[in-house]
PDB file of N, CA and C in Angstrom:
ATOM      1  N   MET A   1       7.155  12.163  10.560  1.00  0.00           N
ATOM      2  CA  MET A   1       7.096  10.872  11.236  1.00  0.00           C
ATOM      3  C   MET A   1       8.277  10.035  10.734  1.00  0.00           C
ATOM      4  N   ARG A   2       9.024   9.478  11.634  1.00  0.00           N
ATOM      5  CA  ARG A   2      10.165   8.625  11.282  1.00  0.00           C
ATOM      6  C   ARG A   2       9.695   7.178  11.326  1.00  0.00           C
ATOM      7  N   VAL A   3       9.897   6.458  10.236  1.00  0.00           N
ATOM      8  CA  VAL A   3       9.463   5.053  10.142  1.00  0.00           C
ATOM      9  C   VAL A   3      10.574   4.159  10.660  1.00  0.00           C
ATOM     10  N   LEU A   4      10.234   3.204  11.500  1.00  0.00           N
ATOM     11  CA  LEU A   4      11.213   2.339  12.129  1.00  0.00           C
ATOM     12  C   LEU A   4      11.202   0.928  11.572  1.00  0.00           C
ATOM     13  N   GLN A   5      12.331   0.263  11.713  1.00  0.00           N
ATOM     14  CA  GLN A   5      12.515  -1.145  11.385  1.00  0.00           C
ATOM     15  C   GLN A   5      12.034  -1.503   9.986  1.00  0.00           C
ATOM     16  N   ASP A   6      11.172  -2.540   9.866  1.00  0.00           N
ATOM     17  CA  ASP A   6      10.729  -3.014   8.558  1.00  0.00           C
ATOM     18  C   ASP A   6       9.317  -2.523   8.240  1.00  0.00           C
ATOM     19  N   ASN A   7       8.958  -1.372   8.781  1.00  0.00           N
ATOM     20  CA  ASN A   7       7.629  -0.804   8.550  1.00  0.00           C
ATOM     21  C   ASN A   7       7.613   0.083   7.322  1.00  0.00           C
ATOM     22  N   VAL A   8       6.437   0.159   6.702  1.00  0.00           N
ATOM     23  CA  VAL A   8       6.223   0.986   5.520  1.00  0.00           C
ATOM     24  C   VAL A   8       4.953   1.787   5.732  1.00  0.00           C
ATOM     25  N   ILE A   9       4.997   3.073   5.440  1.00  0.00           N
ATOM     26  CA  ILE A   9       3.823   3.933   5.517  1.00  0.00           C
ATOM     27  C   ILE A   9       3.273   4.045   4.103  1.00  0.00           C
ATOM     28  N   VAL A  10       1.940   3.784   3.958  1.00  0.00           N
ATOM     29  CA  VAL A  10       1.321   3.866   2.649  1.00  0.00           C
ATOM     30  C   VAL A  10       0.084   4.730   2.672  1.00  0.00           C
ATOM     31  N   LEU A  11      -0.208   5.346   1.537  1.00  0.00           N
ATOM     32  CA  LEU A  11      -1.408   6.140   1.368  1.00  0.00           C
ATOM     33  C   LEU A  11      -2.330   5.343   0.470  1.00  0.00           C
ATOM     34  N   LYS A  12      -3.495   5.044   0.962  1.00  0.00           N
ATOM     35  CA  LYS A  12      -4.451   4.218   0.222  1.00  0.00           C
ATOM     36  C   LYS A  12      -5.011   4.993  -0.958  1.00  0.00           C
ATOM     37  N   HIS A  13      -4.895   4.412  -2.147  1.00  0.00           N
ATOM     38  CA  HIS A  13      -5.445   5.007  -3.370  1.00  0.00           C
ATOM     39  C   HIS A  13      -6.933   4.737  -3.438  1.00  0.00           C
ATOM     40  N   LYS A  14      -7.691   5.715  -3.891  1.00  0.00           N
ATOM     41  CA  LYS A  14      -9.098   5.500  -4.151  1.00  0.00           C
ATOM     42  C   LYS A  14      -9.255   4.973  -5.591  1.00  0.00           C
ATOM     43  N   SER A  15      -9.821   3.819  -5.711  1.00  0.00           N
ATOM     44  CA  SER A  15     -10.017   3.219  -7.041  1.00  0.00           C
ATOM     45  C   SER A  15     -11.243   3.806  -7.702  1.00  0.00           C
ATOM     46  N   GLU A  16     -11.162   4.022  -9.012  1.00  0.00           N
ATOM     47  CA  GLU A  16     -12.356   4.511  -9.737  1.00  0.00           C
ATOM     48  C   GLU A  16     -13.428   3.439  -9.762  1.00  0.00           C
ATOM     49  N   TYR A  17     -13.051   2.187  -9.522  1.00  0.00           N
ATOM     50  CA  TYR A  17     -14.022   1.094  -9.535  1.00  0.00           C
ATOM     51  C   TYR A  17     -14.496   0.732  -8.140  1.00  0.00           C
ATOM     52  N   GLN A  18     -13.963   1.377  -7.126  1.00  0.00           N
ATOM     53  CA  GLN A  18     -14.331   1.041  -5.763  1.00  0.00           C
ATOM     54  C   GLN A  18     -15.826   1.220  -5.551  1.00  0.00           C
ATOM     55  N   GLY A  19     -16.464   0.222  -5.040  1.00  0.00           N
ATOM     56  CA  GLY A  19     -17.891   0.289  -4.824  1.00  0.00           C
ATOM     57  C   GLY A  19     -18.697  -0.241  -5.987  1.00  0.00           C
ATOM     58  N   ILE A  20     -18.073  -0.330  -7.168  1.00  0.00           N
ATOM     59  CA  ILE A  20     -18.766  -0.851  -8.346  1.00  0.00           C
ATOM     60  C   ILE A  20     -18.682  -2.379  -8.344  1.00  0.00           C
ATOM     61  N   LEU A  21     -17.517  -2.890  -7.976  1.00  0.00           N
ATOM     62  CA  LEU A  21     -17.302  -4.347  -7.990  1.00  0.00           C
ATOM     63  C   LEU A  21     -18.160  -4.978  -6.905  1.00  0.00           C
ATOM     64  N   GLN A  22     -18.980  -5.917  -7.288  1.00  0.00           N
ATOM     65  CA  GLN A  22     -19.823  -6.580  -6.323  1.00  0.00           C
ATOM     66  C   GLN A  22     -19.224  -7.933  -5.953  1.00  0.00           C
ATOM     67  N   GLY A  23     -19.368  -8.317  -4.708  1.00  0.00           N
ATOM     68  CA  GLY A  23     -18.853  -9.590  -4.250  1.00  0.00           C
ATOM     69  C   GLY A  23     -17.363  -9.565  -3.923  1.00  0.00           C
ATOM     70  N   ILE A  24     -16.732  -8.374  -4.058  1.00  0.00           N
ATOM     71  CA  ILE A  24     -15.309  -8.268  -3.728  1.00  0.00           C
ATOM     72  C   ILE A  24     -15.165  -7.166  -2.695  1.00  0.00           C
ATOM     73  N   ASP A  25     -14.421  -7.472  -1.654  1.00  0.00           N
ATOM     74  CA  ASP A  25     -14.139  -6.450  -0.635  1.00  0.00           C
ATOM     75  C   ASP A  25     -13.349  -5.335  -1.314  1.00  0.00           C
ATOM     76  N   SER A  26     -13.915  -4.121  -1.310  1.00  0.00           N
ATOM     77  CA  SER A  26     -13.292  -3.023  -2.020  1.00  0.00           C
ATOM     78  C   SER A  26     -11.910  -2.680  -1.490  1.00  0.00           C
ATOM     79  N   SER A  27     -11.623  -2.966  -0.224  1.00  0.00           N
ATOM     80  CA  SER A  27     -10.302  -2.685   0.316  1.00  0.00           C
ATOM     81  C   SER A  27      -9.258  -3.583  -0.326  1.00  0.00           C
ATOM     82  N   GLU A  28      -9.645  -4.748  -0.804  1.00  0.00           N
ATOM     83  CA  GLU A  28      -8.706  -5.632  -1.472  1.00  0.00           C
ATOM     84  C   GLU A  28      -8.420  -5.208  -2.897  1.00  0.00           C
ATOM     85  N   SER A  29      -9.237  -4.336  -3.467  1.00  0.00           N
ATOM     86  CA  SER A  29      -9.075  -3.953  -4.851  1.00  0.00           C
ATOM     87  C   SER A  29      -8.367  -2.614  -5.002  1.00  0.00           C
ATOM     88  N   THR A  30      -7.822  -2.080  -3.933  1.00  0.00           N
ATOM     89  CA  THR A  30      -7.185  -0.785  -4.002  1.00  0.00           C
ATOM     90  C   THR A  30      -5.668  -0.929  -3.959  1.00  0.00           C
ATOM     91  N   LYS A  31      -5.010   0.084  -4.483  1.00  0.00           N
ATOM     92  CA  LYS A  31      -3.568   0.160  -4.460  1.00  0.00           C
ATOM     93  C   LYS A  31      -3.171   1.179  -3.373  1.00  0.00           C
ATOM     94  N   ALA A  32      -1.893   1.181  -3.044  1.00  0.00           N
ATOM     95  CA  ALA A  32      -1.381   2.145  -2.086  1.00  0.00           C
ATOM     96  C   ALA A  32      -0.049   2.703  -2.580  1.00  0.00           C
ATOM     97  N   LYS A  33       0.210   3.968  -2.238  1.00  0.00           N
ATOM     98  CA  LYS A  33       1.451   4.632  -2.610  1.00  0.00           C
ATOM     99  C   LYS A  33       2.347   4.684  -1.373  1.00  0.00           C
ATOM    100  N   VAL A  34       3.612   4.289  -1.540  1.00  0.00           N
ATOM    101  CA  VAL A  34       4.562   4.268  -0.422  1.00  0.00           C
ATOM    102  C   VAL A  34       4.971   5.716  -0.101  1.00  0.00           C
ATOM    103  N   MET A  35       4.770   6.097   1.167  1.00  0.00           N
ATOM    104  CA  MET A  35       5.064   7.439   1.643  1.00  0.00           C
ATOM    105  C   MET A  35       6.274   7.478   2.564  1.00  0.00           C
ATOM    106  N   GLY A  36       6.654   6.329   3.111  1.00  0.00           N
ATOM    107  CA  GLY A  36       7.806   6.247   4.003  1.00  0.00           C
ATOM    108  C   GLY A  36       8.242   4.805   4.174  1.00  0.00           C
ATOM    109  N   VAL A  37       9.540   4.588   4.359  1.00  0.00           N
ATOM    110  CA  VAL A  37      10.076   3.235   4.544  1.00  0.00           C
ATOM    111  C   VAL A  37      11.055   3.240   5.703  1.00  0.00           C
ATOM    112  N   GLY A  38      11.034   2.147   6.461  1.00  0.00           N
ATOM    113  CA  GLY A  38      11.975   1.995   7.562  1.00  0.00           C
ATOM    114  C   GLY A  38      13.339   1.623   7.047  1.00  0.00           C
ATOM    115  N   PRO A  39      14.369   1.738   7.913  1.00  0.00           N
ATOM    116  CA  PRO A  39      15.742   1.522   7.498  1.00  0.00           C
ATOM    117  C   PRO A  39      16.087   0.094   7.069  1.00  0.00           C
ATOM    118  N   THR A  40      15.302  -0.891   7.470  1.00  0.00           N
ATOM    119  CA  THR A  40      15.620  -2.283   7.085  1.00  0.00           C
ATOM    120  C   THR A  40      14.754  -2.782   5.937  1.00  0.00           C
ATOM    121  N   VAL A  41      13.954  -1.925   5.344  1.00  0.00           N
ATOM    122  CA  VAL A  41      13.093  -2.316   4.219  1.00  0.00           C
ATOM    123  C   VAL A  41      13.938  -2.414   2.942  1.00  0.00           C
ATOM    124  N   GLU A  42      13.721  -3.488   2.184  1.00  0.00           N
ATOM    125  CA  GLU A  42      14.454  -3.739   0.958  1.00  0.00           C
ATOM    126  C   GLU A  42      13.480  -3.838  -0.207  1.00  0.00           C
ATOM    127  N   ASN A  43      13.922  -3.419  -1.383  1.00  0.00           N
ATOM    128  CA  ASN A  43      13.178  -3.566  -2.668  1.00  0.00           C
ATOM    129  C   ASN A  43      11.881  -2.759  -2.714  1.00  0.00           C
ATOM    130  N   ILE A  44      11.719  -1.800  -1.826  1.00  0.00           N
ATOM    131  CA  ILE A  44      10.555  -0.930  -1.844  1.00  0.00           C
ATOM    132  C   ILE A  44      11.087   0.495  -1.642  1.00  0.00           C
ATOM    133  N   SER A  45      10.600   1.421  -2.498  1.00  0.00           N
ATOM    134  CA  SER A  45      11.094   2.802  -2.461  1.00  0.00           C
ATOM    135  C   SER A  45       9.937   3.758  -2.296  1.00  0.00           C
ATOM    136  N   LEU A  46      10.276   4.979  -1.836  1.00  0.00           N
ATOM    137  CA  LEU A  46       9.265   6.035  -1.761  1.00  0.00           C
ATOM    138  C   LEU A  46       8.634   6.238  -3.120  1.00  0.00           C
ATOM    139  N   GLY A  47       7.329   6.392  -3.154  1.00  0.00           N
ATOM    140  CA  GLY A  47       6.604   6.618  -4.390  1.00  0.00           C
ATOM    141  C   GLY A  47       6.148   5.366  -5.095  1.00  0.00           C
ATOM    142  N   ASP A  48       6.645   4.176  -4.706  1.00  0.00           N
ATOM    143  CA  ASP A  48       6.193   2.926  -5.332  1.00  0.00           C
ATOM    144  C   ASP A  48       4.704   2.755  -5.109  1.00  0.00           C
ATOM    145  N   ILE A  49       4.041   2.152  -6.075  1.00  0.00           N
ATOM    146  CA  ILE A  49       2.647   1.752  -5.940  1.00  0.00           C
ATOM    147  C   ILE A  49       2.638   0.276  -5.613  1.00  0.00           C
ATOM    148  N   VAL A  50       1.986  -0.098  -4.511  1.00  0.00           N
ATOM    149  CA  VAL A  50       2.057  -1.455  -4.014  1.00  0.00           C
ATOM    150  C   VAL A  50       0.662  -2.041  -3.762  1.00  0.00           C
ATOM    151  N   MET A  51       0.638  -3.360  -3.710  1.00  0.00           N
ATOM    152  CA  MET A  51      -0.566  -4.097  -3.283  1.00  0.00           C
ATOM    153  C   MET A  51      -0.212  -4.683  -1.926  1.00  0.00           C
ATOM    154  N   ILE A  52      -1.064  -4.443  -0.951  1.00  0.00           N
ATOM    155  CA  ILE A  52      -0.801  -4.943   0.410  1.00  0.00           C
ATOM    156  C   ILE A  52      -1.936  -5.798   0.921  1.00  0.00           C
ATOM    157  N   ASP A  53      -1.636  -6.560   1.953  1.00  0.00           N
ATOM    158  CA  ASP A  53      -2.660  -7.340   2.656  1.00  0.00           C
ATOM    159  C   ASP A  53      -3.332  -6.377   3.635  1.00  0.00           C
ATOM    160  N   TRP A  54      -4.485  -5.832   3.224  1.00  0.00           N
ATOM    161  CA  TRP A  54      -5.171  -4.797   4.000  1.00  0.00           C
ATOM    162  C   TRP A  54      -5.624  -5.306   5.360  1.00  0.00           C
ATOM    163  N   ASN A  55      -5.756  -6.618   5.536  1.00  0.00           N
ATOM    164  CA  ASN A  55      -6.136  -7.151   6.829  1.00  0.00           C
ATOM    165  C   ASN A  55      -5.043  -6.934   7.890  1.00  0.00           C
ATOM    166  N   LYS A  56      -3.822  -6.703   7.453  1.00  0.00           N
ATOM    167  CA  LYS A  56      -2.697  -6.513   8.359  1.00  0.00           C
ATOM    168  C   LYS A  56      -2.323  -5.037   8.514  1.00  0.00           C
ATOM    169  N   ALA A  57      -2.931  -4.171   7.742  1.00  0.00           N
ATOM    170  CA  ALA A  57      -2.599  -2.743   7.784  1.00  0.00           C
ATOM    171  C   ALA A  57      -3.217  -2.100   9.039  1.00  0.00           C
ATOM    172  N   LYS A  58      -2.463  -1.164   9.599  1.00  0.00           N
ATOM    173  CA  LYS A  58      -2.945  -0.416  10.771  1.00  0.00           C
ATOM    174  C   LYS A  58      -3.154   1.024  10.353  1.00  0.00           C
ATOM    175  N   ASN A  59      -4.345   1.533  10.570  1.00  0.00           N
ATOM    176  CA  ASN A  59      -4.697   2.898  10.178  1.00  0.00           C
ATOM    177  C   ASN A  59      -4.034   3.900  11.134  1.00  0.00           C
ATOM    178  N   ILE A  60      -3.364   4.863  10.529  1.00  0.00           N
ATOM    179  CA  ILE A  60      -2.753   5.944  11.314  1.00  0.00           C
ATOM    180  C   ILE A  60      -3.735   7.099  11.400  1.00  0.00           C
ATOM    181  N   LYS A  61      -4.212   7.559  10.222  1.00  0.00           N
ATOM    182  CA  LYS A  61      -5.248   8.581  10.150  1.00  0.00           C
ATOM    183  C   LYS A  61      -5.729   8.642   8.699  1.00  0.00           C
ATOM    184  N   ASN A  62      -7.009   8.920   8.540  1.00  0.00           N
ATOM    185  CA  ASN A  62      -7.635   9.021   7.232  1.00  0.00           C
ATOM    186  C   ASN A  62      -7.209   7.831   6.341  1.00  0.00           C
ATOM    187  N   ASP A  63      -6.531   8.084   5.240  1.00  0.00           N
ATOM    188  CA  ASP A  63      -6.124   7.024   4.321  1.00  0.00           C
ATOM    189  C   ASP A  63      -4.664   6.663   4.445  1.00  0.00           C
ATOM    190  N   LEU A  64      -4.050   6.965   5.582  1.00  0.00           N
ATOM    191  CA  LEU A  64      -2.632   6.655   5.834  1.00  0.00           C
ATOM    192  C   LEU A  64      -2.531   5.445   6.729  1.00  0.00           C
ATOM    193  N   PHE A  65      -1.741   4.461   6.302  1.00  0.00           N
ATOM    194  CA  PHE A  65      -1.616   3.190   7.001  1.00  0.00           C
ATOM    195  C   PHE A  65      -0.162   2.826   7.181  1.00  0.00           C
ATOM    196  N   VAL A  66       0.104   1.966   8.172  1.00  0.00           N
ATOM    197  CA  VAL A  66       1.438   1.377   8.359  1.00  0.00           C
ATOM    198  C   VAL A  66       1.293  -0.140   8.199  1.00  0.00           C
ATOM    199  N   VAL A  67       2.252  -0.721   7.487  1.00  0.00           N
ATOM    200  CA  VAL A  67       2.303  -2.173   7.268  1.00  0.00           C
ATOM    201  C   VAL A  67       3.733  -2.630   7.408  1.00  0.00           C
ATOM    202  N   LYS A  68       3.897  -3.896   7.725  1.00  0.00           N
ATOM    203  CA  LYS A  68       5.221  -4.503   7.725  1.00  0.00           C
ATOM    204  C   LYS A  68       5.579  -4.839   6.275  1.00  0.00           C
ATOM    205  N   GLN A  69       6.880  -4.871   5.998  1.00  0.00           N
ATOM    206  CA  GLN A  69       7.320  -5.181   4.639  1.00  0.00           C
ATOM    207  C   GLN A  69       6.768  -6.534   4.195  1.00  0.00           C
ATOM    208  N   GLU A  70       6.698  -7.483   5.082  1.00  0.00           N
ATOM    209  CA  GLU A  70       6.224  -8.828   4.713  1.00  0.00           C
ATOM    210  C   GLU A  70       4.768  -8.845   4.314  1.00  0.00           C
ATOM    211  N   ASP A  71       4.013  -7.789   4.632  1.00  0.00           N
ATOM    212  CA  ASP A  71       2.589  -7.710   4.274  1.00  0.00           C
ATOM    213  C   ASP A  71       2.371  -6.998   2.921  1.00  0.00           C
ATOM    214  N   ILE A  72       3.460  -6.605   2.258  1.00  0.00           N
ATOM    215  CA  ILE A  72       3.355  -6.052   0.922  1.00  0.00           C
ATOM    216  C   ILE A  72       3.445  -7.215  -0.043  1.00  0.00           C
ATOM    217  N   VAL A  73       2.377  -7.402  -0.818  1.00  0.00           N
ATOM    218  CA  VAL A  73       2.243  -8.551  -1.680  1.00  0.00           C
ATOM    219  C   VAL A  73       2.965  -8.362  -3.014  1.00  0.00           C
ATOM    220  N   ALA A  74       2.937  -7.131  -3.539  1.00  0.00           N
ATOM    221  CA  ALA A  74       3.552  -6.857  -4.853  1.00  0.00           C
ATOM    222  C   ALA A  74       3.838  -5.389  -4.984  1.00  0.00           C
ATOM    223  N   VAL A  75       4.813  -5.096  -5.842  1.00  0.00           N
ATOM    224  CA  VAL A  75       5.128  -3.713  -6.252  1.00  0.00           C
ATOM    225  C   VAL A  75       4.782  -3.626  -7.733  1.00  0.00           C
ATOM    226  N   TYR A  76       3.898  -2.681  -8.067  1.00  0.00           N
ATOM    227  CA  TYR A  76       3.497  -2.528  -9.449  1.00  0.00           C
ATOM    228  C   TYR A  76       4.622  -1.898 -10.273  1.00  0.00           C
ATOM    229  N   GLU A  77       4.797  -2.403 -11.502  1.00  0.00           N
ATOM    230  CA  GLU A  77       5.714  -1.839 -12.461  1.00  0.00           C
ATOM    231  C   GLU A  77       4.931  -0.803 -13.293  1.00  0.00           C
ATOM    232  N   ALA A  78       5.610   0.094 -13.966  1.00  0.00           N
ATOM    233  CA  ALA A  78       4.955   1.144 -14.771  1.00  0.00           C
ATOM    234  C   ALA A  78       4.000   0.545 -15.803  1.00  0.00           C
ATOM    235  N   GLU A  79       4.425  -0.577 -16.419  1.00  0.00           N
ATOM    236  CA  GLU A  79       3.547  -1.196 -17.453  1.00  0.00           C
ATOM    237  C   GLU A  79       2.282  -1.781 -16.841  1.00  0.00           C
ATOM    238  N   ASP A  80       2.314  -2.161 -15.548  1.00  0.00           N
ATOM    239  CA  ASP A  80       1.128  -2.669 -14.880  1.00  0.00           C
ATOM    240  C   ASP A  80       0.082  -1.569 -14.668  1.00  0.00           C
ATOM    241  N   LEU A  81       0.601  -0.324 -14.560  1.00  0.00           N
ATOM    242  CA  LEU A  81      -0.286   0.819 -14.266  1.00  0.00           C
ATOM    243  C   LEU A  81      -0.691   1.555 -15.542  1.00  0.00           C
ATOM    244  N   GLY A  82      -0.251   1.074 -16.687  1.00  0.00           N
ATOM    245  CA  GLY A  82      -0.628   1.718 -17.948  1.00  0.00           C
ATOM    246  C   GLY A  82       0.115   3.012 -18.200  1.00  0.00           C
ATOM    247  N   GLU A  83       1.299   3.140 -17.637  1.00  0.00           N
ATOM    248  CA  GLU A  83       2.087   4.373 -17.803  1.00  0.00           C
ATOM    249  C   GLU A  83       3.075   4.196 -18.938  1.00  0.00           C
TER     250      GLU A  83
END
């Protein structure tokens, strides 16, 4: 699949805490791995772990989603992930 314009393809990570947290929408507590980036996307690379606005994500299939770059809230650094 070729990603166009400012779109980003992400794979939704399953959180070990998903479903345990009460009162929080579990989709908001998950991370996503960048699987593809469009040619006009800046500061985001393949393999990055990101936090996105899941309300704006469009499901492609299973846990694969497409989002606009503007809907990516943050890119996690290695120290944020405990690596």
